[in-house]
């Protein structure tokens, strides 16, 4: 079954599915600033565009572009800035 997710009044949308490897989502973010909370470990890959990420206990935003990946631990919050429409892949473990 495919899950449809929508956050921040529709500015972030994703499709999710569960396989033998776990849950995965693929989505798109409109330009803006967002704060997400995690309940599981997440591995995010920018597919197209650019995200600026401030991880927990980080001191500055780090930029991630096409094909670059970052990880976020479970049970934390992190900040995201998108200056242009950006697509991503997120794997939960």
PDB file of N, CA and C in Angstrom:
ATOM      1  N   UNK A   1       0.843  -1.176   0.000  1.00  0.00           N
ATOM      2  CA  UNK A   1       0.000   0.000   0.000  1.00  0.00           C
ATOM      3  C   UNK A   1       0.892   1.243   0.000  1.00  0.00           C
ATOM      4  N   UNK A   2       0.488   2.248  -0.736  1.00  0.00           N
ATOM      5  CA  UNK A   2       1.229   3.510  -0.815  1.00  0.00           C
ATOM      6  C   UNK A   2       0.557   4.527   0.098  1.00  0.00           C
ATOM      7  N   UNK A   3       1.352   5.143   0.979  1.00  0.00           N
ATOM      8  CA  UNK A   3       0.858   6.192   1.875  1.00  0.00           C
ATOM      9  C   UNK A   3       1.139   7.552   1.265  1.00  0.00           C
ATOM     10  N   UNK A   4       0.188   8.466   1.405  1.00  0.00           N
ATOM     11  CA  UNK A   4       0.364   9.841   0.950  1.00  0.00           C
ATOM     12  C   UNK A   4       0.510  10.715   2.188  1.00  0.00           C
ATOM     13  N   UNK A   5       1.618  11.467   2.253  1.00  0.00           N
ATOM     14  CA  UNK A   5       1.911  12.336   3.401  1.00  0.00           C
ATOM     15  C   UNK A   5       1.959  13.779   2.943  1.00  0.00           C
ATOM     16  N   UNK A   6       1.438  14.668   3.794  1.00  0.00           N
ATOM     17  CA  UNK A   6       1.444  16.089   3.484  1.00  0.00           C
ATOM     18  C   UNK A   6       1.724  16.862   4.774  1.00  0.00           C
ATOM     19  N   UNK A   7       2.663  17.805   4.695  1.00  0.00           N
ATOM     20  CA  UNK A   7       3.070  18.583   5.859  1.00  0.00           C
ATOM     21  C   UNK A   7       3.121  20.060   5.501  1.00  0.00           C
ATOM     22  N   UNK A   8       3.060  20.907   6.521  1.00  0.00           N
ATOM     23  CA  UNK A   8       3.236  22.349   6.351  1.00  0.00           C
ATOM     24  C   UNK A   8       2.304  22.914   5.277  1.00  0.00           C
ATOM     25  N   UNK A   9       1.002  22.634   5.451  1.00  0.00           N
ATOM     26  CA  UNK A   9      -0.036  23.123   4.532  1.00  0.00           C
ATOM     27  C   UNK A   9       0.227  22.738   3.079  1.00  0.00           C
ATOM     28  N   UNK A  10       0.775  21.549   2.872  1.00  0.00           N
ATOM     29  CA  UNK A  10       1.006  21.038   1.522  1.00  0.00           C
ATOM     30  C   UNK A  10       2.322  21.444   0.900  1.00  0.00           C
ATOM     31  N   UNK A  11       3.163  22.181   1.632  1.00  0.00           N
ATOM     32  CA  UNK A  11       4.449  22.610   1.074  1.00  0.00           C
ATOM     33  C   UNK A  11       5.450  21.466   0.999  1.00  0.00           C
ATOM     34  N   UNK A  12       5.217  20.399   1.763  1.00  0.00           N
ATOM     35  CA  UNK A  12       6.046  19.193   1.715  1.00  0.00           C
ATOM     36  C   UNK A  12       5.099  18.013   1.538  1.00  0.00           C
ATOM     37  N   UNK A  13       5.322  17.252   0.463  1.00  0.00           N
ATOM     38  CA  UNK A  13       4.482  16.092   0.173  1.00  0.00           C
ATOM     39  C   UNK A  13       5.367  14.901  -0.147  1.00  0.00           C
ATOM     40  N   UNK A  14       4.909  13.720   0.267  1.00  0.00           N
ATOM     41  CA  UNK A  14       5.675  12.513  -0.061  1.00  0.00           C
ATOM     42  C   UNK A  14       4.760  11.325  -0.238  1.00  0.00           C
ATOM     43  N   UNK A  15       5.279  10.332  -0.924  1.00  0.00           N
ATOM     44  CA  UNK A  15       4.647   9.024  -1.060  1.00  0.00           C
ATOM     45  C   UNK A  15       5.512   8.040  -0.307  1.00  0.00           C
ATOM     46  N   UNK A  16       4.887   7.173   0.468  1.00  0.00           N
ATOM     47  CA  UNK A  16       5.647   6.220   1.269  1.00  0.00           C
ATOM     48  C   UNK A  16       5.197   4.797   1.029  1.00  0.00           C
ATOM     49  N   UNK A  17       6.119   3.876   1.256  1.00  0.00           N
ATOM     50  CA  UNK A  17       5.807   2.459   1.144  1.00  0.00           C
ATOM     51  C   UNK A  17       6.709   1.685   2.104  1.00  0.00           C
ATOM     52  N   UNK A  18       6.311   0.465   2.404  1.00  0.00           N
ATOM     53  CA  UNK A  18       7.100  -0.395   3.275  1.00  0.00           C
ATOM     54  C   UNK A  18       7.488  -1.645   2.509  1.00  0.00           C
ATOM     55  N   UNK A  19       8.766  -1.979   2.558  1.00  0.00           N
ATOM     56  CA  UNK A  19       9.292  -3.175   1.903  1.00  0.00           C
ATOM     57  C   UNK A  19       9.962  -4.045   2.959  1.00  0.00           C
ATOM     58  N   UNK A  20      10.588  -5.099   2.528  1.00  0.00           N
ATOM     59  CA  UNK A  20      11.317  -5.974   3.445  1.00  0.00           C
ATOM     60  C   UNK A  20      12.463  -5.228   4.136  1.00  0.00           C
ATOM     61  N   UNK A  21      12.962  -4.156   3.507  1.00  0.00           N
ATOM     62  CA  UNK A  21      14.061  -3.361   4.071  1.00  0.00           C
ATOM     63  C   UNK A  21      13.586  -2.289   5.040  1.00  0.00           C
ATOM     64  N   UNK A  22      12.279  -2.037   5.104  1.00  0.00           N
ATOM     65  CA  UNK A  22      11.739  -1.014   5.991  1.00  0.00           C
ATOM     66  C   UNK A  22      10.944   0.025   5.239  1.00  0.00           C
ATOM     67  N   UNK A  23      10.635   1.120   5.916  1.00  0.00           N
ATOM     68  CA  UNK A  23       9.821   2.188   5.330  1.00  0.00           C
ATOM     69  C   UNK A  23      10.692   3.146   4.520  1.00  0.00           C
ATOM     70  N   UNK A  24      10.154   3.594   3.378  1.00  0.00           N
ATOM     71  CA  UNK A  24      10.826   4.552   2.507  1.00  0.00           C
ATOM     72  C   UNK A  24       9.802   5.566   2.029  1.00  0.00           C
ATOM     73  N   UNK A  25      10.219   6.834   1.920  1.00  0.00           N
ATOM     74  CA  UNK A  25       9.379   7.854   1.309  1.00  0.00           C
ATOM     75  C   UNK A  25      10.172   8.590   0.239  1.00  0.00           C
ATOM     76  N   UNK A  26       9.461   9.083  -0.746  1.00  0.00           N
ATOM     77  CA  UNK A  26      10.048   9.950  -1.756  1.00  0.00           C
ATOM     78  C   UNK A  26       9.140  11.165  -1.831  1.00  0.00           C
ATOM     79  N   UNK A  27       9.748  12.371  -1.777  1.00  0.00           N
ATOM     80  CA  UNK A  27       8.914  13.553  -1.696  1.00  0.00           C
ATOM     81  C   UNK A  27       9.523  14.778  -2.333  1.00  0.00           C
ATOM     82  N   UNK A  28       8.753  15.870  -2.216  1.00  0.00           N
ATOM     83  CA  UNK A  28       9.161  17.161  -2.761  1.00  0.00           C
ATOM     84  C   UNK A  28       8.870  18.233  -1.718  1.00  0.00           C
ATOM     85  N   UNK A  29       9.822  19.170  -1.562  1.00  0.00           N
ATOM     86  CA  UNK A  29       9.655  20.327  -0.681  1.00  0.00           C
ATOM     87  C   UNK A  29       9.622  21.587  -1.520  1.00  0.00           C
ATOM     88  N   UNK A  30       8.668  22.443  -1.232  1.00  0.00           N
ATOM     89  CA  UNK A  30       8.636  23.772  -1.838  1.00  0.00           C
ATOM     90  C   UNK A  30       9.652  24.646  -1.093  1.00  0.00           C
ATOM     91  N   UNK A  31      10.092  25.747  -1.679  1.00  0.00           N
ATOM     92  CA  UNK A  31      10.991  26.650  -0.963  1.00  0.00           C
ATOM     93  C   UNK A  31      10.376  27.073   0.375  1.00  0.00           C
ATOM     94  N   UNK A  32      11.200  27.076   1.414  1.00  0.00           N
ATOM     95  CA  UNK A  32      10.736  27.471   2.736  1.00  0.00           C
ATOM     96  C   UNK A  32      11.651  26.946   3.817  1.00  0.00           C
ATOM     97  N   UNK A  33      11.242  27.192   5.065  1.00  0.00           N
ATOM     98  CA  UNK A  33      11.987  26.711   6.228  1.00  0.00           C
ATOM     99  C   UNK A  33      11.070  25.802   7.032  1.00  0.00           C
ATOM    100  N   UNK A  34      11.601  24.658   7.451  1.00  0.00           N
ATOM    101  CA  UNK A  34      10.806  23.631   8.108  1.00  0.00           C
ATOM    102  C   UNK A  34      11.571  23.040   9.291  1.00  0.00           C
ATOM    103  N   UNK A  35      10.817  22.511  10.254  1.00  0.00           N
ATOM    104  CA  UNK A  35      11.426  21.777  11.351  1.00  0.00           C
ATOM    105  C   UNK A  35      10.709  20.435  11.452  1.00  0.00           C
ATOM    106  N   UNK A  36      11.480  19.362  11.399  1.00  0.00           N
ATOM    107  CA  UNK A  36      10.938  18.006  11.432  1.00  0.00           C
ATOM    108  C   UNK A  36      11.367  17.296  12.704  1.00  0.00           C
ATOM    109  N   UNK A  37      10.526  16.413  13.189  1.00  0.00           N
ATOM    110  CA  UNK A  37      10.856  15.528  14.295  1.00  0.00           C
ATOM    111  C   UNK A  37      10.972  14.110  13.785  1.00  0.00           C
ATOM    112  N   UNK A  38      11.834  13.329  14.389  1.00  0.00           N
ATOM    113  CA  UNK A  38      12.027  11.949  13.960  1.00  0.00           C
ATOM    114  C   UNK A  38      11.565  10.985  15.047  1.00  0.00           C
ATOM    115  N   UNK A  39      11.043   9.850  14.624  1.00  0.00           N
ATOM    116  CA  UNK A  39      10.723   8.776  15.570  1.00  0.00           C
ATOM    117  C   UNK A  39      11.599   7.561  15.302  1.00  0.00           C
ATOM    118  N   UNK A  40      12.265   7.563  14.135  1.00  0.00           N
ATOM    119  CA  UNK A  40      13.199   6.504  13.747  1.00  0.00           C
ATOM    120  C   UNK A  40      14.440   7.147  13.149  1.00  0.00           C
ATOM    121  N   UNK A  41      15.503   6.362  13.050  1.00  0.00           N
ATOM    122  CA  UNK A  41      16.706   6.813  12.342  1.00  0.00           C
ATOM    123  C   UNK A  41      16.323   7.065  10.886  1.00  0.00           C
ATOM    124  N   UNK A  42      16.774   8.177  10.311  1.00  0.00           N
ATOM    125  CA  UNK A  42      16.455   8.513   8.928  1.00  0.00           C
ATOM    126  C   UNK A  42      17.733   8.747   8.131  1.00  0.00           C
ATOM    127  N   UNK A  43      17.747   8.215   6.922  1.00  0.00           N
ATOM    128  CA  UNK A  43      18.803   8.494   5.963  1.00  0.00           C
ATOM    129  C   UNK A  43      18.145   9.201   4.790  1.00  0.00           C
ATOM    130  N   UNK A  44      18.519  10.457   4.567  1.00  0.00           N
ATOM    131  CA  UNK A  44      17.902  11.253   3.507  1.00  0.00           C
ATOM    132  C   UNK A  44      18.902  11.537   2.401  1.00  0.00           C
ATOM    133  N   UNK A  45      18.442  11.371   1.161  1.00  0.00           N
ATOM    134  CA  UNK A  45      19.238  11.667  -0.018  1.00  0.00           C
ATOM    135  C   UNK A  45      18.516  12.725  -0.833  1.00  0.00           C
ATOM    136  N   UNK A  46      19.216  13.797  -1.182  1.00  0.00           N
ATOM    137  CA  UNK A  46      18.656  14.816  -2.065  1.00  0.00           C
ATOM    138  C   UNK A  46      18.719  14.258  -3.482  1.00  0.00           C
ATOM    139  N   UNK A  47      17.567  14.186  -4.131  1.00  0.00           N
ATOM    140  CA  UNK A  47      17.527  13.672  -5.503  1.00  0.00           C
ATOM    141  C   UNK A  47      17.763  14.782  -6.518  1.00  0.00           C
ATOM    142  N   UNK A  48      17.142  15.913  -6.284  1.00  0.00           N
ATOM    143  CA  UNK A  48      17.296  17.048  -7.184  1.00  0.00           C
ATOM    144  C   UNK A  48      17.024  18.329  -6.401  1.00  0.00           C
ATOM    145  N   UNK A  49      17.901  19.305  -6.516  1.00  0.00           N
ATOM    146  CA  UNK A  49      17.744  20.555  -5.794  1.00  0.00           C
ATOM    147  C   UNK A  49      18.795  20.704  -4.719  1.00  0.00           C
ATOM    148  N   UNK A  50      18.430  21.390  -3.630  1.00  0.00           N
ATOM    149  CA  UNK A  50      19.384  21.631  -2.549  1.00  0.00           C
ATOM    150  C   UNK A  50      18.634  21.843  -1.240  1.00  0.00           C
ATOM    151  N   UNK A  51      19.134  21.219  -0.184  1.00  0.00           N
ATOM    152  CA  UNK A  51      18.607  21.417   1.158  1.00  0.00           C
ATOM    153  C   UNK A  51      19.727  21.899   2.068  1.00  0.00           C
ATOM    154  N   UNK A  52      19.395  22.817   2.953  1.00  0.00           N
ATOM    155  CA  UNK A  52      20.318  23.283   3.978  1.00  0.00           C
ATOM    156  C   UNK A  52      19.802  22.708   5.282  1.00  0.00           C
ATOM    157  N   UNK A  53      20.629  21.925   5.965  1.00  0.00           N
ATOM    158  CA  UNK A  53      20.215  21.142   7.123  1.00  0.00           C
ATOM    159  C   UNK A  53      20.972  21.592   8.369  1.00  0.00           C
ATOM    160  N   UNK A  54      20.211  21.784   9.454  1.00  0.00           N
ATOM    161  CA  UNK A  54      20.809  22.030  10.763  1.00  0.00           C
ATOM    162  C   UNK A  54      20.435  20.845  11.638  1.00  0.00           C
ATOM    163  N   UNK A  55      21.419  19.985  11.865  1.00  0.00           N
ATOM    164  CA  UNK A  55      21.195  18.783  12.667  1.00  0.00           C
ATOM    165  C   UNK A  55      21.221  19.124  14.156  1.00  0.00           C
ATOM    166  N   UNK A  56      20.651  18.262  14.988  1.00  0.00           N
ATOM    167  CA  UNK A  56      20.679  18.506  16.426  1.00  0.00           C
ATOM    168  C   UNK A  56      22.119  18.732  16.899  1.00  0.00           C
ATOM    169  N   UNK A  57      22.309  19.682  17.746  1.00  0.00           N
ATOM    170  CA  UNK A  57      23.621  20.031  18.306  1.00  0.00           C
ATOM    171  C   UNK A  57      24.573  20.601  17.260  1.00  0.00           C
ATOM    172  N   UNK A  58      24.064  20.842  16.045  1.00  0.00           N
ATOM    173  CA  UNK A  58      24.893  21.467  15.014  1.00  0.00           C
ATOM    174  C   UNK A  58      24.991  22.962  15.258  1.00  0.00           C
ATOM    175  N   UNK A  59      26.047  23.556  14.762  1.00  0.00           N
ATOM    176  CA  UNK A  59      26.258  24.983  14.955  1.00  0.00           C
ATOM    177  C   UNK A  59      25.938  25.798  13.708  1.00  0.00           C
ATOM    178  N   UNK A  60      25.908  25.124  12.555  1.00  0.00           N
ATOM    179  CA  UNK A  60      25.639  25.831  11.304  1.00  0.00           C
ATOM    180  C   UNK A  60      24.913  24.902  10.335  1.00  0.00           C
ATOM    181  N   UNK A  61      24.160  25.511   9.420  1.00  0.00           N
ATOM    182  CA  UNK A  61      23.490  24.735   8.383  1.00  0.00           C
ATOM    183  C   UNK A  61      24.529  24.175   7.417  1.00  0.00           C
ATOM    184  N   UNK A  62      24.308  22.940   6.962  1.00  0.00           N
ATOM    185  CA  UNK A  62      25.157  22.290   5.960  1.00  0.00           C
ATOM    186  C   UNK A  62      24.329  22.103   4.690  1.00  0.00           C
ATOM    187  N   UNK A  63      24.941  22.293   3.545  1.00  0.00           N
ATOM    188  CA  UNK A  63      24.251  22.194   2.263  1.00  0.00           C
ATOM    189  C   UNK A  63      24.399  20.789   1.669  1.00  0.00           C
ATOM    190  N   UNK A  64      23.293  20.262   1.151  1.00  0.00           N
ATOM    191  CA  UNK A  64      23.278  18.961   0.479  1.00  0.00           C
ATOM    192  C   UNK A  64      22.585  19.133  -0.863  1.00  0.00           C
ATOM    193  N   UNK A  65      23.211  18.626  -1.936  1.00  0.00           N
ATOM    194  CA  UNK A  65      22.668  18.745  -3.282  1.00  0.00           C
ATOM    195  C   UNK A  65      22.525  17.355  -3.915  1.00  0.00           C
ATOM    196  N   UNK A  66      22.229  17.350  -5.191  1.00  0.00           N
ATOM    197  CA  UNK A  66      21.933  16.124  -5.945  1.00  0.00           C
ATOM    198  C   UNK A  66      22.825  14.941  -5.578  1.00  0.00           C
ATOM    199  N   UNK A  67      22.203  13.887  -5.062  1.00  0.00           N
ATOM    200  CA  UNK A  67      22.915  12.654  -4.749  1.00  0.00           C
ATOM    201  C   UNK A  67      23.580  12.610  -3.387  1.00  0.00           C
ATOM    202  N   UNK A  68      23.592  13.727  -2.659  1.00  0.00           N
ATOM    203  CA  UNK A  68      24.234  13.737  -1.344  1.00  0.00           C
ATOM    204  C   UNK A  68      23.260  13.261  -0.260  1.00  0.00           C
ATOM    205  N   UNK A  69      23.816  12.602   0.753  1.00  0.00           N
ATOM    206  CA  UNK A  69      23.034  11.963   1.803  1.00  0.00           C
ATOM    207  C   UNK A  69      23.458  12.466   3.180  1.00  0.00           C
ATOM    208  N   UNK A  70      22.471  12.556   4.079  1.00  0.00           N
ATOM    209  CA  UNK A  70      22.762  12.845   5.484  1.00  0.00           C
ATOM    210  C   UNK A  70      21.884  11.947   6.352  1.00  0.00           C
ATOM    211  N   UNK A  71      22.275  11.789   7.614  1.00  0.00           N
ATOM    212  CA  UNK A  71      21.547  10.919   8.536  1.00  0.00           C
ATOM    213  C   UNK A  71      21.102  11.706   9.756  1.00  0.00           C
ATOM    214  N   UNK A  72      19.941  11.314  10.277  1.00  0.00           N
ATOM    215  CA  UNK A  72      19.377  11.945  11.468  1.00  0.00           C
ATOM    216  C   UNK A  72      18.973  10.827  12.422  1.00  0.00           C
ATOM    217  N   UNK A  73      19.375  10.949  13.672  1.00  0.00           N
ATOM    218  CA  UNK A  73      19.045   9.934  14.672  1.00  0.00           C
ATOM    219  C   UNK A  73      17.564   9.983  15.036  1.00  0.00           C
ATOM    220  N   UNK A  74      17.084   8.952  15.695  1.00  0.00           N
ATOM    221  CA  UNK A  74      15.693   8.878  16.151  1.00  0.00           C
ATOM    222  C   UNK A  74      15.456   9.831  17.320  1.00  0.00           C
ATOM    223  N   UNK A  75      14.221  10.296  17.425  1.00  0.00           N
ATOM    224  CA  UNK A  75      13.743  11.085  18.567  1.00  0.00           C
ATOM    225  C   UNK A  75      14.448  12.426  18.746  1.00  0.00           C
ATOM    226  N   UNK A  76      14.701  13.104  17.634  1.00  0.00           N
ATOM    227  CA  UNK A  76      15.291  14.441  17.658  1.00  0.00           C
ATOM    228  C   UNK A  76      14.521  15.336  16.682  1.00  0.00           C
ATOM    229  N   UNK A  77      14.829  16.618  16.696  1.00  0.00           N
ATOM    230  CA  UNK A  77      14.300  17.527  15.682  1.00  0.00           C
ATOM    231  C   UNK A  77      15.474  18.107  14.899  1.00  0.00           C
ATOM    232  N   UNK A  78      15.204  18.456  13.644  1.00  0.00           N
ATOM    233  CA  UNK A  78      16.215  19.093  12.815  1.00  0.00           C
ATOM    234  C   UNK A  78      15.544  20.113  11.914  1.00  0.00           C
ATOM    235  N   UNK A  79      16.313  21.123  11.486  1.00  0.00           N
ATOM    236  CA  UNK A  79      15.782  22.208  10.670  1.00  0.00           C
ATOM    237  C   UNK A  79      16.236  22.052   9.227  1.00  0.00           C
ATOM    238  N   UNK A  80      15.339  22.458   8.324  1.00  0.00           N
ATOM    239  CA  UNK A  80      15.589  22.353   6.887  1.00  0.00           C
ATOM    240  C   UNK A  80      15.230  23.678   6.224  1.00  0.00           C
ATOM    241  N   UNK A  81      16.113  24.146   5.342  1.00  0.00           N
ATOM    242  CA  UNK A  81      15.812  25.295   4.494  1.00  0.00           C
ATOM    243  C   UNK A  81      15.931  24.828   3.045  1.00  0.00           C
ATOM    244  N   UNK A  82      14.912  25.133   2.266  1.00  0.00           N
ATOM    245  CA  UNK A  82      14.939  24.839   0.826  1.00  0.00           C
ATOM    246  C   UNK A  82      14.775  26.167   0.096  1.00  0.00           C
ATOM    247  N   UNK A  83      15.733  26.520  -0.754  1.00  0.00           N
ATOM    248  CA  UNK A  83      15.637  27.780  -1.485  1.00  0.00           C
ATOM    249  C   UNK A  83      14.980  27.581  -2.851  1.00  0.00           C
ATOM    250  N   UNK A  84      14.849  26.326  -3.264  1.00  0.00           N
ATOM    251  CA  UNK A  84      14.164  25.991  -4.502  1.00  0.00           C
ATOM    252  C   UNK A  84      13.458  24.652  -4.314  1.00  0.00           C
ATOM    253  N   UNK A  85      12.524  24.352  -5.184  1.00  0.00           N
ATOM    254  CA  UNK A  85      11.806  23.082  -5.085  1.00  0.00           C
ATOM    255  C   UNK A  85      12.822  21.939  -5.136  1.00  0.00           C
ATOM    256  N   UNK A  86      12.728  21.027  -4.152  1.00  0.00           N
ATOM    257  CA  UNK A  86      13.739  19.980  -3.994  1.00  0.00           C
ATOM    258  C   UNK A  86      13.073  18.637  -3.742  1.00  0.00           C
ATOM    259  N   UNK A  87      13.573  17.602  -4.420  1.00  0.00           N
ATOM    260  CA  UNK A  87      13.050  16.250  -4.194  1.00  0.00           C
ATOM    261  C   UNK A  87      14.056  15.455  -3.361  1.00  0.00           C
ATOM    262  N   UNK A  88      13.507  14.479  -2.604  1.00  0.00           N
ATOM    263  CA  UNK A  88      14.350  13.707  -1.689  1.00  0.00           C
ATOM    264  C   UNK A  88      13.830  12.287  -1.554  1.00  0.00           C
ATOM    265  N   UNK A  89      14.719  11.416  -1.080  1.00  0.00           N
ATOM    266  CA  UNK A  89      14.405  10.037  -0.742  1.00  0.00           C
ATOM    267  C   UNK A  89      14.781   9.853   0.710  1.00  0.00           C
ATOM    268  N   UNK A  90      13.865   9.274   1.509  1.00  0.00           N
ATOM    269  CA  UNK A  90      14.140   9.087   2.931  1.00  0.00           C
ATOM    270  C   UNK A  90      13.896   7.633   3.291  1.00  0.00           C
ATOM    271  N   UNK A  91      14.900   7.016   3.917  1.00  0.00           N
ATOM    272  CA  UNK A  91      14.794   5.634   4.388  1.00  0.00           C
ATOM    273  C   UNK A  91      14.796   5.647   5.914  1.00  0.00           C
ATOM    274  N   UNK A  92      13.842   4.930   6.489  1.00  0.00           N
ATOM    275  CA  UNK A  92      13.680   4.875   7.941  1.00  0.00           C
ATOM    276  C   UNK A  92      14.159   3.516   8.448  1.00  0.00           C
ATOM    277  N   UNK A  93      14.969   3.518   9.505  1.00  0.00           N
ATOM    278  CA  UNK A  93      15.464   2.246  10.049  1.00  0.00           C
ATOM    279  C   UNK A  93      15.484   2.299  11.559  1.00  0.00           C
TER     280      UNK A  93
END
